[in-house]
Amino acid sequence: NTGGNRLPQAGPSPLGGATLSSAKLAAVTVLPVVLVAGLAFLYYKTDIGEFRRQVQIASHLRELKDIDTRWESEVMRLRSETAATPLAAAHAADRLRRALQGIEEEASVSRLVSYTFPELKRAFMDKAELMERYRTAAAAARERLDTALDTAPDINRSLRQALLASPRQRDRIAAFEQNLGAVQSEVLRFNMAPDATQIGRLEATLAGLRKADLPASPTLAPLVEKFLAAVDQFYKTKLQEQEVYNRLAFLTAGPRLDTLTSAFHREVEAAVQEKELFRTALITYAGVLLILLSHIGARLRHSYLDFAAANAALKEAKVG
């Protein structure tokens, strides 16, 4: 500069101050949002809504276990000649429907349940169908067995009457009674242990009874025909019952349920432990946030007092 004049120095640019103020304003705006979002996240992770649904699933799984246990007991009762009532069977079917529906409605809360439930449901529906078929077959076999066993005493009574009417038939009647007793023994043996390999023995004794000379009696022939028809129907129906029983024995509903229940309980236990960790974190976070808010409140109060003091001093200066 030839005139010796110095150019004026540029003062602080107001742009820098504005940028700094904008950054502070953004921080003040974003920080509460972040703090509240963190609090909301921790609260969400400790929410027990999912846990309630998991408890419902566990309850329905226990219901399925009880149904399966009752089915097994019913099968044992049916095999020992004691039939279940239709009302009890209908009640079990209704309980099964409600339990499966309840699990299906809550399955989304657990990946494990969502993945394994379709196969479990199919296994229980198959078992329910087979249980109904087993009840029907067992009742039919029992009815035919009762018919045969109730007819045998009537046959013996007719034989005694025939003996009284014609003592000369003693040997024929004795032989016929022996064949009848053999059939009854094989029928009872087959009822206790139905096996296709025993059919030959049963059919052989039936053939012996059919070939035996029928003592002269007006009431004997119809009774014998009724007895033979009942025995024929009995062992065929009993074989059907045994076939269904064998299929029931190989169903995987029970083992599938036990596996799922055990795995689900572990999953719930892990979820509870996780929620406990987040609950601890929430309490700690809320405490820190409370301290921070208390500090901010104290700073604001201090600033307000400073502002009030400065305002009072300015008023005194104006009055003076």
C-alpha atoms as a PDB file:
ATOM      1  CA  ASN A   1       0.000   0.000   0.000  1.00  0.00           C
ATOM      2  CA  THR A   2       1.778   3.155  -1.278  1.00  0.00           C
ATOM      3  CA  GLY A   3      -0.356   5.536   0.731  1.00  0.00           C
ATOM      4  CA  GLY A   4       0.683   3.973   3.919  1.00  0.00           C
ATOM      5  CA  ASN A   5      -2.921   3.312   4.758  1.00  0.00           C
ATOM      6  CA  ARG A   6      -3.563  -0.075   6.343  1.00  0.00           C
ATOM      7  CA  LEU A   7      -6.558  -2.084   5.339  1.00  0.00           C
ATOM      8  CA  PRO A   8      -8.964  -2.662   8.196  1.00  0.00           C
ATOM      9  CA  GLN A   9      -8.660  -6.049   9.831  1.00  0.00           C
ATOM     10  CA  ALA A  10     -11.661  -8.259   9.306  1.00  0.00           C
ATOM     11  CA  GLY A  11     -13.494  -8.947  12.549  1.00  0.00           C
ATOM     12  CA  PRO A  12     -14.745 -12.332  13.623  1.00  0.00           C
ATOM     13  CA  SER A  13     -17.086 -13.719  11.052  1.00  0.00           C
ATOM     14  CA  PRO A  14     -20.646 -14.021  12.318  1.00  0.00           C
ATOM     15  CA  LEU A  15     -20.941 -17.193  10.243  1.00  0.00           C
ATOM     16  CA  GLY A  16     -18.803 -19.193  12.695  1.00  0.00           C
ATOM     17  CA  GLY A  17     -20.920 -18.127  15.631  1.00  0.00           C
ATOM     18  CA  ALA A  18     -24.102 -18.991  13.804  1.00  0.00           C
ATOM     19  CA  THR A  19     -22.748 -22.443  12.952  1.00  0.00           C
ATOM     20  CA  LEU A  20     -21.780 -23.047  16.554  1.00  0.00           C
ATOM     21  CA  SER A  21     -25.198 -21.968  17.761  1.00  0.00           C
ATOM     22  CA  SER A  22     -26.901 -24.243  15.229  1.00  0.00           C
ATOM     23  CA  ALA A  23     -24.793 -27.198  16.388  1.00  0.00           C
ATOM     24  CA  LYS A  24     -25.689 -26.504  19.993  1.00  0.00           C
ATOM     25  CA  LEU A  25     -29.349 -26.192  19.080  1.00  0.00           C
ATOM     26  CA  ALA A  26     -29.235 -29.477  17.149  1.00  0.00           C
ATOM     27  CA  ALA A  27     -27.521 -31.205  20.056  1.00  0.00           C
ATOM     28  CA  VAL A  28     -30.050 -29.828  22.516  1.00  0.00           C
ATOM     29  CA  THR A  29     -32.860 -31.001  20.220  1.00  0.00           C
ATOM     30  CA  VAL A  30     -31.503 -34.460  19.407  1.00  0.00           C
ATOM     31  CA  LEU A  31     -30.168 -35.397  22.834  1.00  0.00           C
ATOM     32  CA  PRO A  32     -33.581 -35.590  24.567  1.00  0.00           C
ATOM     33  CA  VAL A  33     -34.919 -37.640  21.670  1.00  0.00           C
ATOM     34  CA  VAL A  34     -32.029 -40.077  21.977  1.00  0.00           C
ATOM     35  CA  LEU A  35     -32.416 -40.292  25.750  1.00  0.00           C
ATOM     36  CA  VAL A  36     -36.166 -40.911  25.516  1.00  0.00           C
ATOM     37  CA  ALA A  37     -35.645 -43.450  22.710  1.00  0.00           C
ATOM     38  CA  GLY A  38     -33.140 -45.330  24.865  1.00  0.00           C
ATOM     39  CA  LEU A  39     -35.585 -45.352  27.742  1.00  0.00           C
ATOM     40  CA  ALA A  40     -38.399 -46.577  25.479  1.00  0.00           C
ATOM     41  CA  PHE A  41     -36.178 -49.346  24.074  1.00  0.00           C
ATOM     42  CA  LEU A  42     -35.247 -50.624  27.503  1.00  0.00           C
ATOM     43  CA  TYR A  43     -38.862 -50.464  28.623  1.00  0.00           C
ATOM     44  CA  TYR A  44     -39.923 -52.424  25.533  1.00  0.00           C
ATOM     45  CA  LYS A  45     -37.312 -55.110  26.234  1.00  0.00           C
ATOM     46  CA  THR A  46     -38.659 -55.501  29.769  1.00  0.00           C
ATOM     47  CA  ASP A  47     -42.304 -55.639  28.688  1.00  0.00           C
ATOM     48  CA  ILE A  48     -43.973 -58.836  29.960  1.00  0.00           C
ATOM     49  CA  GLY A  49     -46.528 -59.005  27.153  1.00  0.00           C
ATOM     50  CA  GLU A  50     -44.539 -61.709  25.357  1.00  0.00           C
ATOM     51  CA  PHE A  51     -43.946 -63.496  28.632  1.00  0.00           C
ATOM     52  CA  ARG A  52     -47.719 -63.694  29.217  1.00  0.00           C
ATOM     53  CA  ARG A  53     -48.127 -65.284  25.783  1.00  0.00           C
ATOM     54  CA  GLN A  54     -45.309 -67.725  26.556  1.00  0.00           C
ATOM     55  CA  VAL A  55     -47.094 -68.665  29.784  1.00  0.00           C
ATOM     56  CA  GLN A  56     -50.239 -69.333  27.734  1.00  0.00           C
ATOM     57  CA  ILE A  57     -48.277 -71.613  25.388  1.00  0.00           C
ATOM     58  CA  ALA A  58     -46.796 -73.480  28.360  1.00  0.00           C
ATOM     59  CA  SER A  59     -50.301 -73.929  29.773  1.00  0.00           C
ATOM     60  CA  HIS A  60     -51.591 -75.333  26.477  1.00  0.00           C
ATOM     61  CA  LEU A  61     -48.592 -77.676  26.254  1.00  0.00           C
ATOM     62  CA  ARG A  62     -49.425 -79.002  29.725  1.00  0.00           C
ATOM     63  CA  GLU A  63     -52.998 -79.494  28.540  1.00  0.00           C
ATOM     64  CA  LEU A  64     -51.758 -81.541  25.570  1.00  0.00           C
ATOM     65  CA  LYS A  65     -49.599 -83.615  27.911  1.00  0.00           C
ATOM     66  CA  ASP A  66     -52.599 -84.310  30.128  1.00  0.00           C
ATOM     67  CA  ILE A  67     -54.681 -85.305  27.090  1.00  0.00           C
ATOM     68  CA  ASP A  68     -51.950 -87.635  25.833  1.00  0.00           C
ATOM     69  CA  THR A  69     -51.575 -89.218  29.287  1.00  0.00           C
ATOM     70  CA  ARG A  70     -55.333 -89.779  29.494  1.00  0.00           C
ATOM     71  CA  TRP A  71     -55.282 -91.345  26.031  1.00  0.00           C
ATOM     72  CA  GLU A  72     -52.602 -93.794  27.120  1.00  0.00           C
ATOM     73  CA  SER A  73     -54.607 -94.651  30.239  1.00  0.00           C
ATOM     74  CA  GLU A  74     -57.746 -95.089  28.147  1.00  0.00           C
ATOM     75  CA  VAL A  75     -55.959 -97.495  25.819  1.00  0.00           C
ATOM     76  CA  MET A  76     -54.889 -99.569  28.805  1.00  0.00           C
ATOM     77  CA  ARG A  77     -58.439 -99.550  30.151  1.00  0.00           C
ATOM     78  CA  LEU A  78     -59.851-100.584  26.798  1.00  0.00           C
ATOM     79  CA  ARG A  79     -57.398-103.467  26.625  1.00  0.00           C
ATOM     80  CA  SER A  80     -58.486-104.566  30.094  1.00  0.00           C
ATOM     81  CA  GLU A  81     -62.144-104.594  29.037  1.00  0.00           C
ATOM     82  CA  THR A  82     -63.242-101.301  30.600  1.00  0.00           C
ATOM     83  CA  ALA A  83     -64.570 -98.966  27.934  1.00  0.00           C
ATOM     84  CA  ALA A  84     -64.519 -95.172  28.091  1.00  0.00           C
ATOM     85  CA  THR A  85     -67.746 -93.214  28.061  1.00  0.00           C
ATOM     86  CA  PRO A  86     -68.698 -91.268  24.897  1.00  0.00           C
ATOM     87  CA  LEU A  87     -69.009 -88.112  26.997  1.00  0.00           C
ATOM     88  CA  ALA A  88     -65.398 -88.390  28.183  1.00  0.00           C
ATOM     89  CA  ALA A  89     -64.195 -88.949  24.607  1.00  0.00           C
ATOM     90  CA  ALA A  90     -66.114 -85.892  23.378  1.00  0.00           C
ATOM     91  CA  HIS A  91     -64.703 -83.798  26.232  1.00  0.00           C
ATOM     92  CA  ALA A  92     -61.153 -84.874  25.349  1.00  0.00           C
ATOM     93  CA  ALA A  93     -61.724 -83.921  21.704  1.00  0.00           C
ATOM     94  CA  ASP A  94     -62.949 -80.461  22.739  1.00  0.00           C
ATOM     95  CA  ARG A  95     -59.955 -79.970  25.046  1.00  0.00           C
ATOM     96  CA  LEU A  96     -57.609 -80.993  22.257  1.00  0.00           C
ATOM     97  CA  ARG A  97     -59.181 -78.539  19.829  1.00  0.00           C
ATOM     98  CA  ARG A  98     -58.926 -75.644  22.291  1.00  0.00           C
ATOM     99  CA  ALA A  99     -55.318 -76.455  23.245  1.00  0.00           C
ATOM    100  CA  LEU A 100     -54.138 -76.697  19.639  1.00  0.00           C
ATOM    101  CA  GLN A 101     -55.966 -73.503  18.714  1.00  0.00           C
ATOM    102  CA  GLY A 102     -54.476 -71.689  21.706  1.00  0.00           C
ATOM    103  CA  ILE A 103     -50.917 -72.681  20.782  1.00  0.00           C
ATOM    104  CA  GLU A 104     -51.493 -71.739  17.147  1.00  0.00           C
ATOM    105  CA  GLU A 105     -52.712 -68.261  18.149  1.00  0.00           C
ATOM    106  CA  GLU A 106     -49.668 -67.600  20.348  1.00  0.00           C
ATOM    107  CA  ALA A 107     -47.040 -69.435  18.260  1.00  0.00           C
ATOM    108  CA  SER A 108     -45.633 -66.228  16.748  1.00  0.00           C
ATOM    109  CA  VAL A 109     -44.059 -65.349  20.105  1.00  0.00           C
ATOM    110  CA  SER A 110     -41.597 -68.252  19.756  1.00  0.00           C
ATOM    111  CA  ARG A 111     -39.596 -69.278  16.702  1.00  0.00           C
ATOM    112  CA  LEU A 112     -39.236 -72.753  18.158  1.00  0.00           C
ATOM    113  CA  VAL A 113     -42.984 -73.211  18.543  1.00  0.00           C
ATOM    114  CA  SER A 114     -43.717 -71.684  15.134  1.00  0.00           C
ATOM    115  CA  TYR A 115     -41.306 -74.117  13.475  1.00  0.00           C
ATOM    116  CA  THR A 116     -42.294 -77.323  15.293  1.00  0.00           C
ATOM    117  CA  PHE A 117     -46.001 -76.795  15.954  1.00  0.00           C
ATOM    118  CA  PRO A 118     -47.345 -77.866  12.506  1.00  0.00           C
ATOM    119  CA  GLU A 119     -45.816 -81.356  12.869  1.00  0.00           C
ATOM    120  CA  LEU A 120     -46.960 -81.593  16.482  1.00  0.00           C
ATOM    121  CA  LYS A 121     -50.499 -80.626  15.514  1.00  0.00           C
ATOM    122  CA  ARG A 122     -50.540 -83.194  12.706  1.00  0.00           C
ATOM    123  CA  ALA A 123     -49.291 -85.915  15.089  1.00  0.00           C
ATOM    124  CA  PHE A 124     -52.000 -85.137  17.662  1.00  0.00           C
ATOM    125  CA  MET A 125     -54.740 -84.987  15.042  1.00  0.00           C
ATOM    126  CA  ASP A 126     -53.595 -88.383  13.718  1.00  0.00           C
ATOM    127  CA  LYS A 127     -53.585 -89.803  17.227  1.00  0.00           C
ATOM    128  CA  ALA A 128     -57.052 -88.396  17.937  1.00  0.00           C
ATOM    129  CA  GLU A 129     -58.355 -90.076  14.787  1.00  0.00           C
ATOM    130  CA  LEU A 130     -56.734 -93.395  15.685  1.00  0.00           C
ATOM    131  CA  MET A 131     -58.056 -93.156  19.244  1.00  0.00           C
ATOM    132  CA  GLU A 132     -61.585 -92.827  17.890  1.00  0.00           C
ATOM    133  CA  ARG A 133     -61.047 -95.829  15.614  1.00  0.00           C
ATOM    134  CA  TYR A 134     -59.572 -97.792  18.517  1.00  0.00           C
ATOM    135  CA  ARG A 135     -62.569 -97.019  20.729  1.00  0.00           C
ATOM    136  CA  THR A 136     -64.912 -98.212  17.995  1.00  0.00           C
ATOM    137  CA  ALA A 137     -62.968-101.407  17.288  1.00  0.00           C
ATOM    138  CA  ALA A 138     -62.512-102.203  20.981  1.00  0.00           C
ATOM    139  CA  ALA A 139     -66.219-101.680  21.701  1.00  0.00           C
ATOM    140  CA  ALA A 140     -67.194-103.894  18.759  1.00  0.00           C
ATOM    141  CA  ALA A 141     -64.775-106.642  19.803  1.00  0.00           C
ATOM    142  CA  ARG A 142     -65.988-106.458  23.381  1.00  0.00           C
ATOM    143  CA  GLU A 143     -69.631-106.686  22.266  1.00  0.00           C
ATOM    144  CA  ARG A 144     -68.969-109.793  20.168  1.00  0.00           C
ATOM    145  CA  LEU A 145     -66.943-111.389  22.951  1.00  0.00           C
ATOM    146  CA  ASP A 146     -69.747-110.745  25.427  1.00  0.00           C
ATOM    147  CA  THR A 147     -72.227-112.300  22.995  1.00  0.00           C
ATOM    148  CA  ALA A 148     -70.096-115.430  22.688  1.00  0.00           C
ATOM    149  CA  LEU A 149     -69.463-115.728  26.414  1.00  0.00           C
ATOM    150  CA  ASP A 150     -73.121-115.103  27.258  1.00  0.00           C
ATOM    151  CA  THR A 151     -74.268-117.707  24.736  1.00  0.00           C
ATOM    152  CA  ALA A 152     -71.962-120.468  26.037  1.00  0.00           C
ATOM    153  CA  PRO A 153     -73.897-120.963  29.328  1.00  0.00           C
ATOM    154  CA  ASP A 154     -77.134-121.196  27.342  1.00  0.00           C
ATOM    155  CA  ILE A 155     -75.526-123.925  25.215  1.00  0.00           C
ATOM    156  CA  ASN A 156     -74.436-125.804  28.340  1.00  0.00           C
ATOM    157  CA  ARG A 157     -77.942-125.513  29.720  1.00  0.00           C
ATOM    158  CA  SER A 158     -79.391-126.962  26.505  1.00  0.00           C
ATOM    159  CA  LEU A 159     -76.850-129.794  26.666  1.00  0.00           C
ATOM    160  CA  ARG A 160     -77.921-130.686  30.221  1.00  0.00           C
ATOM    161  CA  GLN A 161     -81.548-130.673  29.125  1.00  0.00           C
ATOM    162  CA  ALA A 162     -80.687-132.888  26.164  1.00  0.00           C
ATOM    163  CA  LEU A 163     -78.865-135.277  28.524  1.00  0.00           C
ATOM    164  CA  LEU A 164     -81.873-135.482  30.797  1.00  0.00           C
ATOM    165  CA  ALA A 165     -84.138-136.073  27.842  1.00  0.00           C
ATOM    166  CA  SER A 166     -81.867-138.694  26.282  1.00  0.00           C
ATOM    167  CA  PRO A 167     -79.161-140.179  28.561  1.00  0.00           C
ATOM    168  CA  ARG A 168     -77.912-142.304  25.637  1.00  0.00           C
ATOM    169  CA  GLN A 169     -76.378-139.104  24.189  1.00  0.00           C
ATOM    170  CA  ARG A 170     -73.945-138.850  27.093  1.00  0.00           C
ATOM    171  CA  ASP A 171     -70.796-139.512  25.050  1.00  0.00           C
ATOM    172  CA  ARG A 172     -71.888-137.193  22.230  1.00  0.00           C
ATOM    173  CA  ILE A 173     -72.741-134.439  24.703  1.00  0.00           C
ATOM    174  CA  ALA A 174     -69.421-134.903  26.556  1.00  0.00           C
ATOM    175  CA  ALA A 175     -67.461-134.621  23.286  1.00  0.00           C
ATOM    176  CA  PHE A 176     -69.422-131.555  22.270  1.00  0.00           C
ATOM    177  CA  GLU A 177     -68.830-129.912  25.673  1.00  0.00           C
ATOM    178  CA  GLN A 178     -65.119-130.606  25.317  1.00  0.00           C
ATOM    179  CA  ASN A 179     -64.996-128.896  21.904  1.00  0.00           C
ATOM    180  CA  LEU A 180     -67.032-125.981  23.207  1.00  0.00           C
ATOM    181  CA  GLY A 181     -64.659-125.551  26.155  1.00  0.00           C
ATOM    182  CA  ALA A 182     -61.650-125.634  23.832  1.00  0.00           C
ATOM    183  CA  VAL A 183     -63.142-122.830  21.719  1.00  0.00           C
ATOM    184  CA  GLN A 184     -63.882-120.756  24.815  1.00  0.00           C
ATOM    185  CA  SER A 185     -60.304-121.185  26.073  1.00  0.00           C
ATOM    186  CA  GLU A 186     -58.834-120.119  22.728  1.00  0.00           C
ATOM    187  CA  VAL A 187     -61.193-117.136  22.547  1.00  0.00           C
ATOM    188  CA  LEU A 188     -60.136-115.920  25.998  1.00  0.00           C
ATOM    189  CA  ARG A 189     -56.457-116.500  25.178  1.00  0.00           C
ATOM    190  CA  PHE A 190     -56.817-114.602  21.913  1.00  0.00           C
ATOM    191  CA  ASN A 191     -58.597-111.769  23.716  1.00  0.00           C
ATOM    192  CA  MET A 192     -55.689-111.358  26.147  1.00  0.00           C
ATOM    193  CA  ALA A 193     -52.978-111.578  23.475  1.00  0.00           C
ATOM    194  CA  PRO A 194     -54.385-111.034  19.975  1.00  0.00           C
ATOM    195  CA  ASP A 195     -51.863-112.226  17.434  1.00  0.00           C
ATOM    196  CA  ALA A 196     -52.262-113.305  13.835  1.00  0.00           C
ATOM    197  CA  THR A 197     -50.133-116.386  14.559  1.00  0.00           C
ATOM    198  CA  GLN A 198     -52.789-117.650  16.993  1.00  0.00           C
ATOM    199  CA  ILE A 199     -55.607-117.511  14.474  1.00  0.00           C
ATOM    200  CA  GLY A 200     -54.704-120.986  13.243  1.00  0.00           C
ATOM    201  CA  ARG A 201     -55.274-122.511  16.688  1.00  0.00           C
ATOM    202  CA  LEU A 202     -58.555-120.662  17.127  1.00  0.00           C
ATOM    203  CA  GLU A 203     -59.818-121.663  13.685  1.00  0.00           C
ATOM    204  CA  ALA A 204     -58.802-125.265  14.332  1.00  0.00           C
ATOM    205  CA  THR A 205     -60.875-125.414  17.514  1.00  0.00           C
ATOM    206  CA  LEU A 206     -63.793-123.757  15.680  1.00  0.00           C
ATOM    207  CA  ALA A 207     -63.540-126.380  12.942  1.00  0.00           C
ATOM    208  CA  GLY A 208     -63.563-129.119  15.595  1.00  0.00           C
ATOM    209  CA  LEU A 209     -66.724-127.682  17.133  1.00  0.00           C
ATOM    210  CA  ARG A 210     -68.419-127.428  13.747  1.00  0.00           C
ATOM    211  CA  LYS A 211     -67.553-131.058  12.946  1.00  0.00           C
ATOM    212  CA  ALA A 212     -68.727-132.368  16.324  1.00  0.00           C
ATOM    213  CA  ASP A 213     -71.973-134.316  16.329  1.00  0.00           C
ATOM    214  CA  LEU A 214     -74.704-132.006  17.513  1.00  0.00           C
ATOM    215  CA  PRO A 215     -76.786-133.643  20.273  1.00  0.00           C
ATOM    216  CA  ALA A 216     -80.475-133.820  19.605  1.00  0.00           C
ATOM    217  CA  SER A 217     -82.104-130.723  21.127  1.00  0.00           C
ATOM    218  CA  PRO A 218     -84.684-128.275  19.746  1.00  0.00           C
ATOM    219  CA  THR A 219     -82.887-125.212  21.175  1.00  0.00           C
ATOM    220  CA  LEU A 220     -79.241-126.197  20.681  1.00  0.00           C
ATOM    221  CA  ALA A 221     -78.710-125.542  16.972  1.00  0.00           C
ATOM    222  CA  PRO A 222     -79.677-121.824  16.999  1.00  0.00           C
ATOM    223  CA  LEU A 223     -77.528-121.223  20.078  1.00  0.00           C
ATOM    224  CA  VAL A 224     -74.504-122.911  18.525  1.00  0.00           C
ATOM    225  CA  GLU A 225     -74.917-120.893  15.312  1.00  0.00           C
ATOM    226  CA  LYS A 226     -75.110-117.694  17.356  1.00  0.00           C
ATOM    227  CA  PHE A 227     -72.002-118.662  19.315  1.00  0.00           C
ATOM    228  CA  LEU A 228     -69.968-119.537  16.210  1.00  0.00           C
ATOM    229  CA  ALA A 229     -70.999-116.325  14.412  1.00  0.00           C
ATOM    230  CA  ALA A 230     -70.059-114.237  17.466  1.00  0.00           C
ATOM    231  CA  VAL A 231     -66.636-115.917  17.721  1.00  0.00           C
ATOM    232  CA  ASP A 232     -65.954-115.411  14.002  1.00  0.00           C
ATOM    233  CA  GLN A 233     -66.814-111.726  14.241  1.00  0.00           C
ATOM    234  CA  PHE A 234     -64.912-111.360  17.504  1.00  0.00           C
ATOM    235  CA  TYR A 235     -61.492-112.488  16.359  1.00  0.00           C
ATOM    236  CA  LYS A 236     -61.707-110.534  13.103  1.00  0.00           C
ATOM    237  CA  THR A 237     -62.683-107.368  14.973  1.00  0.00           C
ATOM    238  CA  LYS A 238     -60.045-108.049  17.620  1.00  0.00           C
ATOM    239  CA  LEU A 239     -57.407-108.205  14.902  1.00  0.00           C
ATOM    240  CA  GLN A 240     -58.561-104.803  13.631  1.00  0.00           C
ATOM    241  CA  GLU A 241     -58.350-103.459  17.170  1.00  0.00           C
ATOM    242  CA  GLN A 242     -54.809-104.815  17.523  1.00  0.00           C
ATOM    243  CA  GLU A 243     -53.785-103.271  14.211  1.00  0.00           C
ATOM    244  CA  VAL A 244     -54.951 -99.843  15.362  1.00  0.00           C
ATOM    245  CA  TYR A 245     -53.211-100.388  18.701  1.00  0.00           C
ATOM    246  CA  ASN A 246     -49.936-101.144  16.935  1.00  0.00           C
ATOM    247  CA  ARG A 247     -50.262 -97.941  14.918  1.00  0.00           C
ATOM    248  CA  LEU A 248     -50.944 -95.985  18.094  1.00  0.00           C
ATOM    249  CA  ALA A 249     -47.796 -97.416  19.659  1.00  0.00           C
ATOM    250  CA  PHE A 250     -45.655 -96.023  16.841  1.00  0.00           C
ATOM    251  CA  LEU A 251     -47.135 -92.513  16.803  1.00  0.00           C
ATOM    252  CA  THR A 252     -44.715 -89.733  17.770  1.00  0.00           C
ATOM    253  CA  ALA A 253     -47.198 -87.290  19.329  1.00  0.00           C
ATOM    254  CA  GLY A 254     -46.000 -87.922  22.900  1.00  0.00           C
ATOM    255  CA  PRO A 255     -42.237 -87.799  22.204  1.00  0.00           C
ATOM    256  CA  ARG A 256     -42.670 -84.719  19.987  1.00  0.00           C
ATOM    257  CA  LEU A 257     -44.579 -82.981  22.747  1.00  0.00           C
ATOM    258  CA  ASP A 258     -41.968 -83.850  25.379  1.00  0.00           C
ATOM    259  CA  THR A 259     -39.146 -82.580  23.150  1.00  0.00           C
ATOM    260  CA  LEU A 260     -40.941 -79.323  22.336  1.00  0.00           C
ATOM    261  CA  THR A 261     -41.947 -78.714  25.961  1.00  0.00           C
ATOM    262  CA  SER A 262     -38.393 -79.224  27.209  1.00  0.00           C
ATOM    263  CA  ALA A 263     -36.894 -76.945  24.541  1.00  0.00           C
ATOM    264  CA  PHE A 264     -39.589 -74.319  25.050  1.00  0.00           C
ATOM    265  CA  HIS A 265     -38.993 -74.227  28.801  1.00  0.00           C
ATOM    266  CA  ARG A 266     -35.301 -73.579  28.133  1.00  0.00           C
ATOM    267  CA  GLU A 267     -36.262 -70.822  25.701  1.00  0.00           C
ATOM    268  CA  VAL A 268     -38.561 -69.201  28.254  1.00  0.00           C
ATOM    269  CA  GLU A 269     -35.890 -69.432  30.945  1.00  0.00           C
ATOM    270  CA  ALA A 270     -33.390 -67.702  28.648  1.00  0.00           C
ATOM    271  CA  ALA A 271     -35.975 -65.013  27.830  1.00  0.00           C
ATOM    272  CA  VAL A 272     -36.629 -64.411  31.537  1.00  0.00           C
ATOM    273  CA  GLN A 273     -32.913 -64.044  32.212  1.00  0.00           C
ATOM    274  CA  GLU A 274     -32.613 -61.599  29.304  1.00  0.00           C
ATOM    275  CA  LYS A 275     -35.544 -59.530  30.617  1.00  0.00           C
ATOM    276  CA  GLU A 276     -33.924 -59.441  34.056  1.00  0.00           C
ATOM    277  CA  LEU A 277     -30.759 -58.039  32.482  1.00  0.00           C
ATOM    278  CA  PHE A 278     -32.724 -55.386  30.604  1.00  0.00           C
ATOM    279  CA  ARG A 279     -34.716 -54.596  33.753  1.00  0.00           C
ATOM    280  CA  THR A 280     -31.476 -53.964  35.606  1.00  0.00           C
ATOM    281  CA  ALA A 281     -30.254 -51.834  32.709  1.00  0.00           C
ATOM    282  CA  LEU A 282     -33.552 -49.915  32.708  1.00  0.00           C
ATOM    283  CA  ILE A 283     -33.306 -49.155  36.424  1.00  0.00           C
ATOM    284  CA  THR A 284     -29.691 -48.020  36.036  1.00  0.00           C
ATOM    285  CA  TYR A 285     -30.487 -45.969  32.940  1.00  0.00           C
ATOM    286  CA  ALA A 286     -33.495 -44.357  34.607  1.00  0.00           C
ATOM    287  CA  GLY A 287     -31.355 -43.488  37.637  1.00  0.00           C
ATOM    288  CA  VAL A 288     -28.657 -41.908  35.486  1.00  0.00           C
ATOM    289  CA  LEU A 289     -31.301 -40.045  33.486  1.00  0.00           C
ATOM    290  CA  LEU A 290     -32.871 -38.770  36.701  1.00  0.00           C
ATOM    291  CA  ILE A 291     -29.503 -37.525  37.913  1.00  0.00           C
ATOM    292  CA  LEU A 292     -28.914 -35.830  34.555  1.00  0.00           C
ATOM    293  CA  LEU A 293     -32.318 -34.189  34.641  1.00  0.00           C
ATOM    294  CA  SER A 294     -31.682 -33.038  38.208  1.00  0.00           C
ATOM    295  CA  HIS A 295     -28.385 -31.536  37.096  1.00  0.00           C
ATOM    296  CA  ILE A 296     -30.022 -29.787  34.149  1.00  0.00           C
ATOM    297  CA  GLY A 297     -32.776 -28.508  36.454  1.00  0.00           C
ATOM    298  CA  ALA A 298     -30.186 -27.166  38.892  1.00  0.00           C
ATOM    299  CA  ARG A 299     -28.331 -25.414  36.054  1.00  0.00           C
ATOM    300  CA  LEU A 300     -31.559 -23.890  34.789  1.00  0.00           C
ATOM    301  CA  ARG A 301     -32.465 -22.713  38.268  1.00  0.00           C
ATOM    302  CA  HIS A 302     -29.000 -21.195  38.699  1.00  0.00           C
ATOM    303  CA  SER A 303     -29.268 -19.463  35.323  1.00  0.00           C
ATOM    304  CA  TYR A 304     -32.713 -18.184  36.237  1.00  0.00           C
ATOM    305  CA  LEU A 305     -31.409 -16.771  39.528  1.00  0.00           C
ATOM    306  CA  ASP A 306     -28.468 -15.105  37.722  1.00  0.00           C
ATOM    307  CA  PHE A 307     -30.847 -13.649  35.184  1.00  0.00           C
ATOM    308  CA  ALA A 308     -33.144 -12.381  37.930  1.00  0.00           C
ATOM    309  CA  ALA A 309     -30.221 -10.818  39.790  1.00  0.00           C
ATOM    310  CA  ALA A 310     -28.934  -9.117  36.644  1.00  0.00           C
ATOM    311  CA  ASN A 311     -32.410  -7.843  35.855  1.00  0.00           C
ATOM    312  CA  ALA A 312     -32.752  -6.443  39.381  1.00  0.00           C
ATOM    313  CA  ALA A 313     -29.357  -4.745  39.129  1.00  0.00           C
ATOM    314  CA  LEU A 314     -30.316  -3.184  35.790  1.00  0.00           C
ATOM    315  CA  LYS A 315     -33.539  -1.817  37.288  1.00  0.00           C
ATOM    316  CA  GLU A 316     -31.595  -0.300  40.218  1.00  0.00           C
ATOM    317  CA  ALA A 317     -29.157   1.304  37.766  1.00  0.00           C
ATOM    318  CA  LYS A 318     -31.989   2.863  35.835  1.00  0.00           C
ATOM    319  CA  VAL A 319     -33.604   4.201  39.005  1.00  0.00           C
ATOM    320  CA  GLY A 320     -30.279   5.642  40.207  1.00  0.00           C
END
